[in-house]
Amino acid sequence: NVYIRQIIHDLMTSGRLPKQPQRYTITPGREV
């Protein structure tokens, strides 16, 4: 899970994967 979260951040930063904003979350600005 730690490696997957790093990979998903890398893919989103490079624009290869769309961000996944969460409507309901206790973490403001969550994009995964």
Full PDB file with SEQRES, HELIX, SHEET, SSBOND, CRYST1, ORIGX, SCALE, CONECT and MASTER records, all heavy atoms in Angstrom:
SEQRES   1 A   32  ASN VAL TYR ILE ARG GLN ILE ILE HIS ASP LEU MET THR          
SEQRES   2 A   32  SER GLY ARG LEU PRO LYS GLN PRO GLN ARG TYR THR ILE          
SEQRES   3 A   32  THR PRO GLY ARG GLU VAL                                      
HELIX    1 AA1 VAL A    2  THR A   13  1                                  12    
CRYST1    1.000    1.000    1.000  90.00  90.00  90.00 P 1           1          
ORIGX1      1.000000  0.000000  0.000000        0.00000                         
ORIGX2      0.000000  1.000000  0.000000        0.00000                         
ORIGX3      0.000000  0.000000  1.000000        0.00000                         
SCALE1      1.000000  0.000000  0.000000        0.00000                         
SCALE2      0.000000  1.000000  0.000000        0.00000                         
SCALE3      0.000000  0.000000  1.000000        0.00000                         
ATOM      1  N   ASN A   1       0.820  -1.216   0.000  1.00  0.00           N  
ATOM      2  CA  ASN A   1       0.000   0.000   0.000  1.00  0.00           C  
ATOM      3  C   ASN A   1       0.854   1.266   0.000  1.00  0.00           C  
ATOM      4  O   ASN A   1       0.506   2.265  -0.633  1.00  0.00           O  
ATOM      5  CB  ASN A   1      -0.986   0.006   1.170  1.00  0.00           C  
ATOM      6  CG  ASN A   1      -0.299  -0.067   2.517  1.00  0.00           C  
ATOM      7  OD1 ASN A   1       0.830  -0.542   2.626  1.00  0.00           O  
ATOM      8  ND2 ASN A   1      -0.958   0.387   3.554  1.00  0.00           N  
ATOM      9  N   VAL A   2       2.001   1.223   0.687  1.00  0.00           N  
ATOM     10  CA  VAL A   2       2.904   2.386   0.721  1.00  0.00           C  
ATOM     11  C   VAL A   2       3.476   2.644  -0.672  1.00  0.00           C  
ATOM     12  O   VAL A   2       3.499   3.785  -1.156  1.00  0.00           O  
ATOM     13  CB  VAL A   2       4.040   2.159   1.736  1.00  0.00           C  
ATOM     14  CG1 VAL A   2       5.058   3.296   1.675  1.00  0.00           C  
ATOM     15  CG2 VAL A   2       3.473   2.020   3.141  1.00  0.00           C  
ATOM     16  N   TYR A   3       3.930   1.583  -1.339  1.00  0.00           N  
ATOM     17  CA  TYR A   3       4.507   1.737  -2.676  1.00  0.00           C  
ATOM     18  C   TYR A   3       3.452   2.183  -3.689  1.00  0.00           C  
ATOM     19  O   TYR A   3       3.729   3.036  -4.539  1.00  0.00           O  
ATOM     20  CB  TYR A   3       5.158   0.422  -3.131  1.00  0.00           C  
ATOM     21  CG  TYR A   3       6.255  -0.044  -2.204  1.00  0.00           C  
ATOM     22  CD1 TYR A   3       6.191  -1.282  -1.586  1.00  0.00           C  
ATOM     23  CD2 TYR A   3       7.354   0.761  -1.930  1.00  0.00           C  
ATOM     24  CE1 TYR A   3       7.190  -1.703  -0.718  1.00  0.00           C  
ATOM     25  CE2 TYR A   3       8.362   0.343  -1.062  1.00  0.00           C  
ATOM     26  CZ  TYR A   3       8.268  -0.892  -0.455  1.00  0.00           C  
ATOM     27  OH  TYR A   3       9.247  -1.309   0.402  1.00  0.00           O  
ATOM     28  N   ILE A   4       2.255   1.630  -3.592  1.00  0.00           N  
ATOM     29  CA  ILE A   4       1.185   2.005  -4.527  1.00  0.00           C  
ATOM     30  C   ILE A   4       0.846   3.490  -4.369  1.00  0.00           C  
ATOM     31  O   ILE A   4       0.642   4.203  -5.358  1.00  0.00           O  
ATOM     32  CB  ILE A   4      -0.075   1.136  -4.311  1.00  0.00           C  
ATOM     33  CG1 ILE A   4       0.200  -0.321  -4.681  1.00  0.00           C  
ATOM     34  CG2 ILE A   4      -1.247   1.678  -5.129  1.00  0.00           C  
ATOM     35  CD1 ILE A   4       0.525  -0.554  -6.130  1.00  0.00           C  
ATOM     36  N   ARG A   5       0.802   3.965  -3.143  1.00  0.00           N  
ATOM     37  CA  ARG A   5       0.480   5.384  -2.928  1.00  0.00           C  
ATOM     38  C   ARG A   5       1.582   6.288  -3.503  1.00  0.00           C  
ATOM     39  O   ARG A   5       1.293   7.351  -4.043  1.00  0.00           O  
ATOM     40  CB  ARG A   5       0.245   5.668  -1.449  1.00  0.00           C  
ATOM     41  CG  ARG A   5      -1.076   5.074  -0.975  1.00  0.00           C  
ATOM     42  CD  ARG A   5      -1.532   5.584   0.367  1.00  0.00           C  
ATOM     43  NE  ARG A   5      -2.829   4.999   0.694  1.00  0.00           N  
ATOM     44  CZ  ARG A   5      -3.992   5.479   0.303  1.00  0.00           C  
ATOM     45  NH1 ARG A   5      -4.040   6.561  -0.442  1.00  0.00           N  
ATOM     46  NH2 ARG A   5      -5.123   4.891   0.649  1.00  0.00           N  
ATOM     47  N   GLN A   6       2.840   5.851  -3.396  1.00  0.00           N  
ATOM     48  CA  GLN A   6       3.925   6.631  -3.991  1.00  0.00           C  
ATOM     49  C   GLN A   6       3.809   6.644  -5.518  1.00  0.00           C  
ATOM     50  O   GLN A   6       3.966   7.676  -6.166  1.00  0.00           O  
ATOM     51  CB  GLN A   6       5.288   6.046  -3.576  1.00  0.00           C  
ATOM     52  CG  GLN A   6       6.476   6.817  -4.155  1.00  0.00           C  
ATOM     53  CD  GLN A   6       6.489   8.277  -3.729  1.00  0.00           C  
ATOM     54  OE1 GLN A   6       6.484   8.572  -2.547  1.00  0.00           O  
ATOM     55  NE2 GLN A   6       6.485   9.196  -4.697  1.00  0.00           N  
ATOM     56  N   ILE A   7       3.506   5.470  -6.078  1.00  0.00           N  
ATOM     57  CA  ILE A   7       3.377   5.362  -7.530  1.00  0.00           C  
ATOM     58  C   ILE A   7       2.214   6.216  -8.036  1.00  0.00           C  
ATOM     59  O   ILE A   7       2.334   6.911  -9.046  1.00  0.00           O  
ATOM     60  CB  ILE A   7       3.198   3.883  -7.951  1.00  0.00           C  
ATOM     61  CG1 ILE A   7       4.497   3.107  -7.678  1.00  0.00           C  
ATOM     62  CG2 ILE A   7       2.819   3.771  -9.426  1.00  0.00           C  
ATOM     63  CD1 ILE A   7       4.351   1.596  -7.772  1.00  0.00           C  
ATOM     64  N   ILE A   8       1.075   6.175  -7.330  1.00  0.00           N  
ATOM     65  CA  ILE A   8      -0.081   6.951  -7.785  1.00  0.00           C  
ATOM     66  C   ILE A   8       0.210   8.452  -7.723  1.00  0.00           C  
ATOM     67  O   ILE A   8      -0.178   9.209  -8.616  1.00  0.00           O  
ATOM     68  CB  ILE A   8      -1.366   6.580  -7.001  1.00  0.00           C  
ATOM     69  CG1 ILE A   8      -2.610   7.043  -7.765  1.00  0.00           C  
ATOM     70  CG2 ILE A   8      -1.390   7.167  -5.618  1.00  0.00           C  
ATOM     71  CD1 ILE A   8      -3.914   6.525  -7.198  1.00  0.00           C  
ATOM     72  N   HIS A   9       0.946   8.903  -6.713  1.00  0.00           N  
ATOM     73  CA  HIS A   9       1.335  10.316  -6.637  1.00  0.00           C  
ATOM     74  C   HIS A   9       2.260  10.681  -7.790  1.00  0.00           C  
ATOM     75  O   HIS A   9       2.108  11.745  -8.404  1.00  0.00           O  
ATOM     76  CB  HIS A   9       2.001  10.614  -5.289  1.00  0.00           C  
ATOM     77  CG  HIS A   9       1.027  10.832  -4.173  1.00  0.00           C  
ATOM     78  ND1 HIS A   9       0.159  11.902  -4.132  1.00  0.00           N  
ATOM     79  CD2 HIS A   9       0.778  10.098  -3.055  1.00  0.00           C  
ATOM     80  CE1 HIS A   9      -0.589  11.827  -3.037  1.00  0.00           C  
ATOM     81  NE2 HIS A   9      -0.244  10.733  -2.378  1.00  0.00           N  
ATOM     82  N   ASP A  10       3.213   9.782  -8.106  1.00  0.00           N  
ATOM     83  CA  ASP A  10       4.130  10.027  -9.235  1.00  0.00           C  
ATOM     84  C   ASP A  10       3.352  10.128 -10.547  1.00  0.00           C  
ATOM     85  O   ASP A  10       3.622  11.009 -11.373  1.00  0.00           O  
ATOM     86  CB  ASP A  10       5.163   8.897  -9.342  1.00  0.00           C  
ATOM     87  CG  ASP A  10       6.153   8.897  -8.180  1.00  0.00           C  
ATOM     88  OD1 ASP A  10       6.184   9.889  -7.417  1.00  0.00           O  
ATOM     89  OD2 ASP A  10       6.887   7.896  -8.030  1.00  0.00           O  
ATOM     90  N   LEU A  11       2.371   9.235 -10.751  1.00  0.00           N  
ATOM     91  CA  LEU A  11       1.586   9.234 -11.989  1.00  0.00           C  
ATOM     92  C   LEU A  11       0.709  10.475 -12.095  1.00  0.00           C  
ATOM     93  O   LEU A  11       0.535  11.037 -13.183  1.00  0.00           O  
ATOM     94  CB  LEU A  11       0.733   7.967 -12.076  1.00  0.00           C  
ATOM     95  CG  LEU A  11       1.487   6.643 -12.256  1.00  0.00           C  
ATOM     96  CD1 LEU A  11       0.525   5.464 -12.189  1.00  0.00           C  
ATOM     97  CD2 LEU A  11       2.260   6.630 -13.566  1.00  0.00           C  
ATOM     98  N   MET A  12       0.142  10.905 -10.966  1.00  0.00           N  
ATOM     99  CA  MET A  12      -0.686  12.112 -10.988  1.00  0.00           C  
ATOM    100  C   MET A  12       0.155  13.358 -11.220  1.00  0.00           C  
ATOM    101  O   MET A  12      -0.241  14.261 -11.962  1.00  0.00           O  
ATOM    102  CB  MET A  12      -1.469  12.225  -9.674  1.00  0.00           C  
ATOM    103  CG  MET A  12      -2.601  11.235  -9.554  1.00  0.00           C  
ATOM    104  SD  MET A  12      -3.461  11.378  -7.965  1.00  0.00           S  
ATOM    105  CE  MET A  12      -4.774  10.173  -8.203  1.00  0.00           C  
ATOM    106  N   THR A  13       1.332  13.402 -10.608  1.00  0.00           N  
ATOM    107  CA  THR A  13       2.220  14.557 -10.771  1.00  0.00           C  
ATOM    108  C   THR A  13       2.658  14.706 -12.222  1.00  0.00           C  
ATOM    109  O   THR A  13       2.743  15.817 -12.757  1.00  0.00           O  
ATOM    110  CB  THR A  13       3.459  14.413  -9.858  1.00  0.00           C  
ATOM    111  OG1 THR A  13       3.022  14.337  -8.497  1.00  0.00           O  
ATOM    112  CG2 THR A  13       4.396  15.599 -10.005  1.00  0.00           C  
ATOM    113  N   SER A  14       2.900  13.568 -12.887  1.00  0.00           N  
ATOM    114  CA  SER A  14       3.338  13.597 -14.287  1.00  0.00           C  
ATOM    115  C   SER A  14       2.162  13.746 -15.259  1.00  0.00           C  
ATOM    116  O   SER A  14       2.371  13.851 -16.468  1.00  0.00           O  
ATOM    117  CB  SER A  14       4.125  12.324 -14.624  1.00  0.00           C  
ATOM    118  OG  SER A  14       3.283  11.182 -14.550  1.00  0.00           O  
ATOM    119  N   GLY A  15       0.933  13.729 -14.744  1.00  0.00           N  
ATOM    120  CA  GLY A  15      -0.253  13.898 -15.585  1.00  0.00           C  
ATOM    121  C   GLY A  15      -0.709  12.631 -16.287  1.00  0.00           C  
ATOM    122  O   GLY A  15      -1.624  12.676 -17.115  1.00  0.00           O  
ATOM    123  N   ARG A  16      -0.121  11.509 -15.953  1.00  0.00           N  
ATOM    124  CA  ARG A  16      -0.500  10.258 -16.612  1.00  0.00           C  
ATOM    125  C   ARG A  16      -1.778   9.669 -16.025  1.00  0.00           C  
ATOM    126  O   ARG A  16      -2.460   8.881 -16.676  1.00  0.00           O  
ATOM    127  CB  ARG A  16       0.643   9.236 -16.493  1.00  0.00           C  
ATOM    128  CG  ARG A  16       1.891   9.645 -17.244  1.00  0.00           C  
ATOM    129  CD  ARG A  16       3.024   8.677 -17.024  1.00  0.00           C  
ATOM    130  NE  ARG A  16       2.741   7.386 -17.625  1.00  0.00           N  
ATOM    131  CZ  ARG A  16       3.476   6.300 -17.424  1.00  0.00           C  
ATOM    132  NH1 ARG A  16       4.531   6.352 -16.629  1.00  0.00           N  
ATOM    133  NH2 ARG A  16       3.156   5.159 -18.003  1.00  0.00           N  
ATOM    134  N   LEU A  17      -2.099  10.037 -14.800  1.00  0.00           N  
ATOM    135  CA  LEU A  17      -3.294   9.523 -14.135  1.00  0.00           C  
ATOM    136  C   LEU A  17      -4.095  10.707 -13.597  1.00  0.00           C  
ATOM    137  O   LEU A  17      -3.524  11.579 -12.926  1.00  0.00           O  
ATOM    138  CB  LEU A  17      -2.885   8.593 -12.987  1.00  0.00           C  
ATOM    139  CG  LEU A  17      -3.968   7.698 -12.394  1.00  0.00           C  
ATOM    140  CD1 LEU A  17      -4.440   6.666 -13.413  1.00  0.00           C  
ATOM    141  CD2 LEU A  17      -3.427   6.975 -11.159  1.00  0.00           C  
ATOM    142  N   PRO A  18      -5.413  10.764 -13.875  1.00  0.00           N  
ATOM    143  CA  PRO A  18      -6.228  11.873 -13.351  1.00  0.00           C  
ATOM    144  C   PRO A  18      -6.265  11.854 -11.822  1.00  0.00           C  
ATOM    145  O   PRO A  18      -6.216  10.794 -11.205  1.00  0.00           O  
ATOM    146  CB  PRO A  18      -7.622  11.592 -13.925  1.00  0.00           C  
ATOM    147  CG  PRO A  18      -7.427  10.616 -15.031  1.00  0.00           C  
ATOM    148  CD  PRO A  18      -6.200   9.829 -14.692  1.00  0.00           C  
ATOM    149  N   LYS A  19      -6.369  13.028 -11.235  1.00  0.00           N  
ATOM    150  CA  LYS A  19      -6.501  13.113  -9.784  1.00  0.00           C  
ATOM    151  C   LYS A  19      -7.875  12.594  -9.374  1.00  0.00           C  
ATOM    152  O   LYS A  19      -8.815  12.576 -10.169  1.00  0.00           O  
ATOM    153  CB  LYS A  19      -6.267  14.541  -9.318  1.00  0.00           C  
ATOM    154  CG  LYS A  19      -4.816  14.959  -9.526  1.00  0.00           C  
ATOM    155  CD  LYS A  19      -4.519  16.340  -9.023  1.00  0.00           C  
ATOM    156  CE  LYS A  19      -3.041  16.649  -9.236  1.00  0.00           C  
ATOM    157  NZ  LYS A  19      -2.678  18.008  -8.815  1.00  0.00           N  
ATOM    158  N   GLN A  20      -7.986  12.158  -8.130  1.00  0.00           N  
ATOM    159  CA  GLN A  20      -9.204  11.524  -7.627  1.00  0.00           C  
ATOM    160  C   GLN A  20      -9.722  12.291  -6.408  1.00  0.00           C  
ATOM    161  O   GLN A  20      -9.687  11.795  -5.285  1.00  0.00           O  
ATOM    162  CB  GLN A  20      -8.912  10.065  -7.254  1.00  0.00           C  
ATOM    163  CG  GLN A  20      -8.352   9.253  -8.409  1.00  0.00           C  
ATOM    164  CD  GLN A  20      -7.798   7.908  -7.975  1.00  0.00           C  
ATOM    165  OE1 GLN A  20      -7.620   7.636  -6.784  1.00  0.00           O  
ATOM    166  NE2 GLN A  20      -7.527   7.038  -8.932  1.00  0.00           N  
ATOM    167  N   PRO A  21     -10.179  13.524  -6.618  1.00  0.00           N  
ATOM    168  CA  PRO A  21     -10.622  14.333  -5.476  1.00  0.00           C  
ATOM    169  C   PRO A  21     -11.776  13.662  -4.737  1.00  0.00           C  
ATOM    170  O   PRO A  21     -12.679  13.106  -5.353  1.00  0.00           O  
ATOM    171  CB  PRO A  21     -11.056  15.657  -6.106  1.00  0.00           C  
ATOM    172  CG  PRO A  21     -11.313  15.324  -7.547  1.00  0.00           C  
ATOM    173  CD  PRO A  21     -10.389  14.200  -7.896  1.00  0.00           C  
ATOM    174  N   GLN A  22     -11.720  13.719  -3.420  1.00  0.00           N  
ATOM    175  CA  GLN A  22     -12.736  13.094  -2.582  1.00  0.00           C  
ATOM    176  C   GLN A  22     -13.695  14.146  -2.045  1.00  0.00           C  
ATOM    177  O   GLN A  22     -13.273  15.144  -1.451  1.00  0.00           O  
ATOM    178  CB  GLN A  22     -12.061  12.348  -1.424  1.00  0.00           C  
ATOM    179  CG  GLN A  22     -11.114  11.239  -1.869  1.00  0.00           C  
ATOM    180  CD  GLN A  22     -11.823  10.174  -2.673  1.00  0.00           C  
ATOM    181  OE1 GLN A  22     -12.642   9.438  -2.160  1.00  0.00           O  
ATOM    182  NE2 GLN A  22     -11.509  10.097  -3.963  1.00  0.00           N  
ATOM    183  N   ARG A  23     -14.971  13.903  -2.272  1.00  0.00           N  
ATOM    184  CA  ARG A  23     -15.986  14.858  -1.834  1.00  0.00           C  
ATOM    185  C   ARG A  23     -16.156  14.829  -0.321  1.00  0.00           C  
ATOM    186  O   ARG A  23     -16.359  15.860   0.321  1.00  0.00           O  
ATOM    187  CB  ARG A  23     -17.304  14.526  -2.526  1.00  0.00           C  
ATOM    188  CG  ARG A  23     -18.385  15.551  -2.311  1.00  0.00           C  
ATOM    189  CD  ARG A  23     -19.573  15.279  -3.210  1.00  0.00           C  
ATOM    190  NE  ARG A  23     -20.587  16.296  -3.070  1.00  0.00           N  
ATOM    191  CZ  ARG A  23     -21.723  16.292  -3.736  1.00  0.00           C  
ATOM    192  NH1 ARG A  23     -21.982  15.335  -4.603  1.00  0.00           N  
ATOM    193  NH2 ARG A  23     -22.619  17.245  -3.556  1.00  0.00           N  
ATOM    194  N   TYR A  24     -16.094  13.627   0.249  1.00  0.00           N  
ATOM    195  CA  TYR A  24     -16.260  13.477   1.689  1.00  0.00           C  
ATOM    196  C   TYR A  24     -14.979  12.890   2.264  1.00  0.00           C  
ATOM    197  O   TYR A  24     -14.603  11.763   1.938  1.00  0.00           O  
ATOM    198  CB  TYR A  24     -17.449  12.568   2.007  1.00  0.00           C  
ATOM    199  CG  TYR A  24     -18.741  13.076   1.393  1.00  0.00           C  
ATOM    200  CD1 TYR A  24     -19.292  12.452   0.274  1.00  0.00           C  
ATOM    201  CD2 TYR A  24     -19.386  14.197   1.924  1.00  0.00           C  
ATOM    202  CE1 TYR A  24     -20.460  12.923  -0.297  1.00  0.00           C  
ATOM    203  CE2 TYR A  24     -20.559  14.667   1.350  1.00  0.00           C  
ATOM    204  CZ  TYR A  24     -21.090  14.029   0.245  1.00  0.00           C  
ATOM    205  OH  TYR A  24     -22.247  14.503  -0.320  1.00  0.00           O  
ATOM    206  N   THR A  25     -14.293  13.659   3.083  1.00  0.00           N  
ATOM    207  CA  THR A  25     -13.022  13.211   3.633  1.00  0.00           C  
ATOM    208  C   THR A  25     -12.658  14.024   4.865  1.00  0.00           C  
ATOM    209  O   THR A  25     -13.081  15.186   4.996  1.00  0.00           O  
ATOM    210  CB  THR A  25     -11.895  13.346   2.576  1.00  0.00           C  
ATOM    211  OG1 THR A  25     -10.635  13.012   3.174  1.00  0.00           O  
ATOM    212  CG2 THR A  25     -11.808  14.757   2.007  1.00  0.00           C  
ATOM    213  N   ILE A  26     -11.897  13.428   5.768  1.00  0.00           N  
ATOM    214  CA  ILE A  26     -11.397  14.162   6.928  1.00  0.00           C  
ATOM    215  C   ILE A  26     -10.033  14.785   6.620  1.00  0.00           C  
ATOM    216  O   ILE A  26      -9.454  15.450   7.468  1.00  0.00           O  
ATOM    217  CB  ILE A  26     -11.284  13.244   8.175  1.00  0.00           C  
ATOM    218  CG1 ILE A  26     -10.322  12.089   7.908  1.00  0.00           C  
ATOM    219  CG2 ILE A  26     -12.654  12.743   8.592  1.00  0.00           C  
ATOM    220  CD1 ILE A  26     -10.010  11.270   9.164  1.00  0.00           C  
ATOM    221  N   THR A  27      -9.546  14.559   5.381  1.00  0.00           N  
ATOM    222  CA  THR A  27      -8.253  15.107   4.964  1.00  0.00           C  
ATOM    223  C   THR A  27      -8.495  16.157   3.881  1.00  0.00           C  
ATOM    224  O   THR A  27      -8.742  15.811   2.721  1.00  0.00           O  
ATOM    225  CB  THR A  27      -7.338  13.991   4.403  1.00  0.00           C  
ATOM    226  OG1 THR A  27      -7.281  12.928   5.337  1.00  0.00           O  
ATOM    227  CG2 THR A  27      -5.942  14.526   4.128  1.00  0.00           C  
ATOM    228  N   PRO A  28      -8.454  17.440   4.224  1.00  0.00           N  
ATOM    229  CA  PRO A  28      -8.715  18.503   3.237  1.00  0.00           C  
ATOM    230  C   PRO A  28      -7.760  18.401   2.048  1.00  0.00           C  
ATOM    231  O   PRO A  28      -6.562  18.148   2.214  1.00  0.00           O  
ATOM    232  CB  PRO A  28      -8.469  19.794   4.037  1.00  0.00           C  
ATOM    233  CG  PRO A  28      -8.642  19.396   5.471  1.00  0.00           C  
ATOM    234  CD  PRO A  28      -8.171  17.982   5.563  1.00  0.00           C  
ATOM    235  N   GLY A  29      -8.307  18.587   0.852  1.00  0.00           N  
ATOM    236  CA  GLY A  29      -7.477  18.573  -0.351  1.00  0.00           C  
ATOM    237  C   GLY A  29      -7.033  17.191  -0.794  1.00  0.00           C  
ATOM    238  O   GLY A  29      -6.145  17.074  -1.642  1.00  0.00           O  
ATOM    239  N   ARG A  30      -7.649  16.153  -0.270  1.00  0.00           N  
ATOM    240  CA  ARG A  30      -7.252  14.792  -0.643  1.00  0.00           C  
ATOM    241  C   ARG A  30      -7.524  14.545  -2.129  1.00  0.00           C  
ATOM    242  O   ARG A  30      -8.622  14.771  -2.612  1.00  0.00           O  
ATOM    243  CB  ARG A  30      -8.024  13.791   0.214  1.00  0.00           C  
ATOM    244  CG  ARG A  30      -7.680  12.342  -0.075  1.00  0.00           C  
ATOM    245  CD  ARG A  30      -8.432  11.418   0.847  1.00  0.00           C  
ATOM    246  NE  ARG A  30      -8.330  10.039   0.386  1.00  0.00           N  
ATOM    247  CZ  ARG A  30      -8.984   9.026   0.946  1.00  0.00           C  
ATOM    248  NH1 ARG A  30      -9.760   9.234   1.988  1.00  0.00           N  
ATOM    249  NH2 ARG A  30      -8.855   7.814   0.477  1.00  0.00           N  
ATOM    250  N   GLU A  31      -6.497  14.072  -2.832  1.00  0.00           N  
ATOM    251  CA  GLU A  31      -6.601  13.871  -4.279  1.00  0.00           C  
ATOM    252  C   GLU A  31      -6.432  12.420  -4.698  1.00  0.00           C  
ATOM    253  O   GLU A  31      -6.388  12.116  -5.890  1.00  0.00           O  
ATOM    254  CB  GLU A  31      -5.557  14.728  -4.997  1.00  0.00           C  
ATOM    255  CG  GLU A  31      -5.793  16.217  -4.824  1.00  0.00           C  
ATOM    256  CD  GLU A  31      -4.764  17.065  -5.532  1.00  0.00           C  
ATOM    257  OE1 GLU A  31      -3.596  16.630  -5.609  1.00  0.00           O  
ATOM    258  OE2 GLU A  31      -5.135  18.156  -6.003  1.00  0.00           O  
ATOM    259  N   VAL A  32      -6.344  11.522  -3.726  1.00  0.00           N  
ATOM    260  CA  VAL A  32      -6.222  10.089  -4.015  1.00  0.00           C  
ATOM    261  C   VAL A  32      -7.417   9.377  -3.408  1.00  0.00           C  
ATOM    262  O   VAL A  32      -7.736   9.565  -2.232  1.00  0.00           O  
ATOM    263  CB  VAL A  32      -4.908   9.512  -3.451  1.00  0.00           C  
ATOM    264  CG1 VAL A  32      -4.845   8.009  -3.681  1.00  0.00           C  
ATOM    265  CG2 VAL A  32      -3.707  10.183  -4.105  1.00  0.00           C  
TER     266      VAL A  32                                                      
MASTER        0    0    0    1    0    0    0    6  265    1    0    3          
END                                                                             
